[in-house]
N, C-alpha and C. Protein backbone atom coordinates (compact mmCIF):
# COMPACT_ATOMS: atom_id res chain seq x y z
N UNK A 1 84.45 70.97 61.67
CA UNK A 1 83.65 71.00 62.86
C UNK A 1 82.27 70.68 62.58
N UNK A 2 81.91 70.12 63.84
CA UNK A 2 80.22 69.56 63.73
C UNK A 2 79.55 70.93 64.09
N UNK A 3 78.20 71.28 63.73
CA UNK A 3 77.77 71.89 64.06
C UNK A 3 76.43 71.46 64.55
N UNK A 4 76.10 71.91 65.50
CA UNK A 4 74.72 71.35 66.40
C UNK A 4 73.68 72.05 66.29
N UNK A 5 72.60 71.32 65.99
CA UNK A 5 71.21 72.05 66.03
C UNK A 5 70.51 71.99 66.81
N UNK A 6 69.42 72.95 67.36
CA UNK A 6 68.44 73.31 68.57
C UNK A 6 67.71 71.78 68.40
N UNK A 7 66.77 71.96 67.07
CA UNK A 7 66.08 71.05 66.85
C UNK A 7 66.48 70.35 65.25
N UNK A 8 65.71 69.16 64.83
CA UNK A 8 65.89 68.87 63.88
C UNK A 8 65.73 69.27 62.54
N UNK A 9 64.55 70.24 62.85
CA UNK A 9 63.89 70.51 61.69
C UNK A 9 63.51 72.42 62.61
N UNK A 10 63.26 73.02 61.49
CA UNK A 10 63.23 74.69 62.16
C UNK A 10 61.58 74.58 62.42
N UNK A 11 61.22 75.43 63.13
CA UNK A 11 60.19 75.68 63.98
C UNK A 11 59.85 77.13 63.96
N UNK A 12 57.95 76.57 63.08
CA UNK A 12 57.10 77.60 62.54
C UNK A 12 57.05 78.23 64.19
N UNK A 13 57.52 80.12 63.89
CA UNK A 13 57.16 80.56 65.07
C UNK A 13 56.14 81.92 64.64
N UNK A 14 55.44 82.26 63.44
CA UNK A 14 54.40 83.37 63.29
C UNK A 14 53.76 82.81 62.07
N UNK A 15 52.70 83.40 61.79
CA UNK A 15 51.67 83.85 60.46
C UNK A 15 51.28 85.09 60.38
N UNK A 16 51.25 85.46 58.97
CA UNK A 16 50.83 86.87 59.07
C UNK A 16 49.94 86.65 57.65
N UNK A 17 48.65 87.08 58.06
CA UNK A 17 47.32 86.38 57.31
C UNK A 17 46.92 87.52 56.86
N UNK A 18 46.77 87.73 55.32
CA UNK A 18 45.63 88.96 54.60
C UNK A 18 44.70 88.40 53.64
N UNK A 19 43.99 88.87 53.48
CA UNK A 19 42.43 88.33 52.40
C UNK A 19 43.10 89.66 51.32
N UNK A 20 42.89 89.58 50.03
CA UNK A 20 43.45 90.51 48.93
C UNK A 20 42.13 91.20 48.80
N UNK A 21 41.01 90.61 48.88
CA UNK A 21 39.98 90.65 48.55
C UNK A 21 38.88 91.33 49.50
N UNK A 22 39.00 91.23 50.87
CA UNK A 22 38.43 92.05 51.67
C UNK A 22 39.31 92.49 52.74
N UNK A 23 38.06 93.24 53.87
CA UNK A 23 39.39 93.52 55.13
C UNK A 23 39.81 92.66 56.38
N UNK A 24 38.96 90.81 55.82
CA UNK A 24 39.61 89.74 56.86
C UNK A 24 41.33 89.49 57.05
N UNK A 25 41.38 89.74 58.13
CA UNK A 25 43.40 88.95 58.20
C UNK A 25 42.77 87.79 59.59
N UNK A 26 44.02 87.12 59.29
CA UNK A 26 43.76 85.85 60.60
C UNK A 26 44.45 86.62 61.56
N UNK A 27 44.48 85.08 62.65
CA UNK A 27 45.19 85.15 63.88
C UNK A 27 46.11 84.29 63.83
N UNK A 28 47.26 85.72 63.99
CA UNK A 28 48.57 85.00 63.56
C UNK A 28 49.22 84.46 65.33
N UNK A 29 48.43 84.84 66.52
CA UNK A 29 49.50 83.93 67.35
C UNK A 29 49.39 82.53 67.42
N UNK A 30 48.28 81.66 66.65
CA UNK A 30 48.95 79.77 66.71
C UNK A 30 49.24 80.11 65.50
N UNK A 31 49.92 80.13 64.51
CA UNK A 31 50.91 79.84 63.53
C UNK A 31 49.86 78.96 62.51
N UNK A 32 49.67 77.77 63.17
CA UNK A 32 48.89 76.67 62.66
C UNK A 32 47.52 76.48 62.50
N UNK A 33 47.53 77.89 63.53
CA UNK A 33 45.83 77.35 63.08
C UNK A 33 45.38 78.73 62.44
N UNK A 34 46.21 79.59 62.28
CA UNK A 34 46.57 81.34 61.43
C UNK A 34 46.28 80.06 59.56
N UNK A 35 47.16 79.51 59.08
CA UNK A 35 47.43 78.70 58.53
C UNK A 35 45.79 77.28 58.09
N UNK A 36 45.34 77.51 58.59
CA UNK A 36 44.18 76.45 57.95
C UNK A 36 43.00 77.67 58.25
N UNK A 37 42.98 78.52 59.11
CA UNK A 37 41.58 79.77 58.33
C UNK A 37 42.34 80.08 57.28
N UNK A 38 43.23 80.48 56.52
CA UNK A 38 43.91 81.12 55.72
C UNK A 38 42.91 80.28 54.32
N UNK A 39 43.57 78.95 54.89
CA UNK A 39 42.73 78.18 53.45
C UNK A 39 41.23 78.09 53.92
N UNK A 40 40.78 78.20 54.73
CA UNK A 40 38.89 77.66 54.94
C UNK A 40 38.71 79.71 54.09
N UNK A 41 39.22 80.31 54.57
CA UNK A 41 38.68 81.96 53.72
C UNK A 41 38.59 81.49 52.68
N UNK A 42 39.78 80.52 51.79
CA UNK A 42 39.80 81.11 50.74
C UNK A 42 39.22 79.82 49.81
N UNK A 43 38.95 78.60 50.82
CA UNK A 43 37.81 77.94 49.94
C UNK A 43 36.90 78.29 50.20
N UNK A 44 36.14 79.27 50.66
CA UNK A 44 34.83 79.50 51.33
C UNK A 44 34.26 80.68 50.35
N UNK A 45 35.26 81.67 50.25
CA UNK A 45 34.89 82.76 49.59
C UNK A 45 35.37 82.71 48.41
N UNK A 46 36.25 81.62 48.13
CA UNK A 46 37.23 82.39 46.45
C UNK A 46 38.06 83.51 46.42
N UNK A 47 38.34 84.39 47.85
CA UNK A 47 39.29 84.92 48.19
C UNK A 47 40.90 84.60 47.61
N UNK A 48 41.47 85.61 47.08
CA UNK A 48 43.32 85.57 46.92
C UNK A 48 44.09 85.99 48.46
N UNK A 49 44.16 84.82 49.20
CA UNK A 49 44.44 84.96 50.66
C UNK A 49 46.31 84.58 50.66
N UNK A 50 46.93 85.86 51.85
CA UNK A 50 48.08 85.83 51.29
C UNK A 50 48.48 85.19 52.74
N UNK A 51 49.08 84.78 53.07
CA UNK A 51 50.47 83.74 54.06
C UNK A 51 51.46 83.92 54.30
N UNK A 52 52.08 84.86 55.13
CA UNK A 52 53.40 84.63 55.29
C UNK A 52 53.98 83.75 56.50
N UNK A 53 55.05 83.29 56.29
CA UNK A 53 55.07 82.30 57.60
C UNK A 53 57.03 82.39 58.31
N UNK A 54 56.84 82.49 59.12
CA UNK A 54 58.46 82.57 59.88
C UNK A 54 58.94 81.58 60.74
N UNK A 55 60.15 80.83 59.99
CA UNK A 55 60.19 79.41 60.82
C UNK A 55 62.00 79.86 61.42
N UNK A 56 62.64 79.33 62.54
CA UNK A 56 63.12 79.30 63.27
C UNK A 56 64.54 77.94 63.66
N UNK A 57 65.77 78.45 63.30
CA UNK A 57 66.48 77.07 63.65
C UNK A 57 67.76 77.95 64.41
N UNK A 58 68.05 77.02 65.40
CA UNK A 58 69.29 77.54 65.95
C UNK A 58 70.28 77.00 66.19
N UNK A 59 71.70 76.82 65.33
CA UNK A 59 72.81 76.52 65.47
C UNK A 59 73.31 76.43 65.97
N UNK A 60 74.17 75.90 66.84
CA UNK A 60 75.44 75.49 67.90
C UNK A 60 74.36 76.09 69.02
N UNK A 61 73.71 75.82 69.60
CA UNK A 61 72.98 76.28 70.83
C UNK A 61 74.09 76.08 71.95
N UNK A 62 74.31 77.01 73.12
CA UNK A 62 74.80 77.49 74.48
C UNK A 62 73.75 76.95 75.10
N UNK A 63 74.42 76.30 76.60
CA UNK A 63 73.82 75.90 77.43
C UNK A 63 73.56 77.30 78.49
N UNK A 64 72.49 76.76 79.12
CA UNK A 64 72.22 78.29 79.48
C UNK A 64 72.46 78.44 81.48
N UNK A 65 73.81 77.43 81.49
CA UNK A 65 73.97 77.57 82.73
C UNK A 65 75.33 78.20 82.84
């Protein structure tokens, strides 16, 4: 049986960002921006920053009709 995919790659749907050295947290509403903000905060401050990302992928999508 052939499996169909909704998209060829998993889609990034959320990101959760937290600094372990201060109270800073990133904005997870735009996961790509959150990744950039986490990198910039870590580079600027030297702090340890944790980022958790979530991806979604759909196999055998059903028609909405």
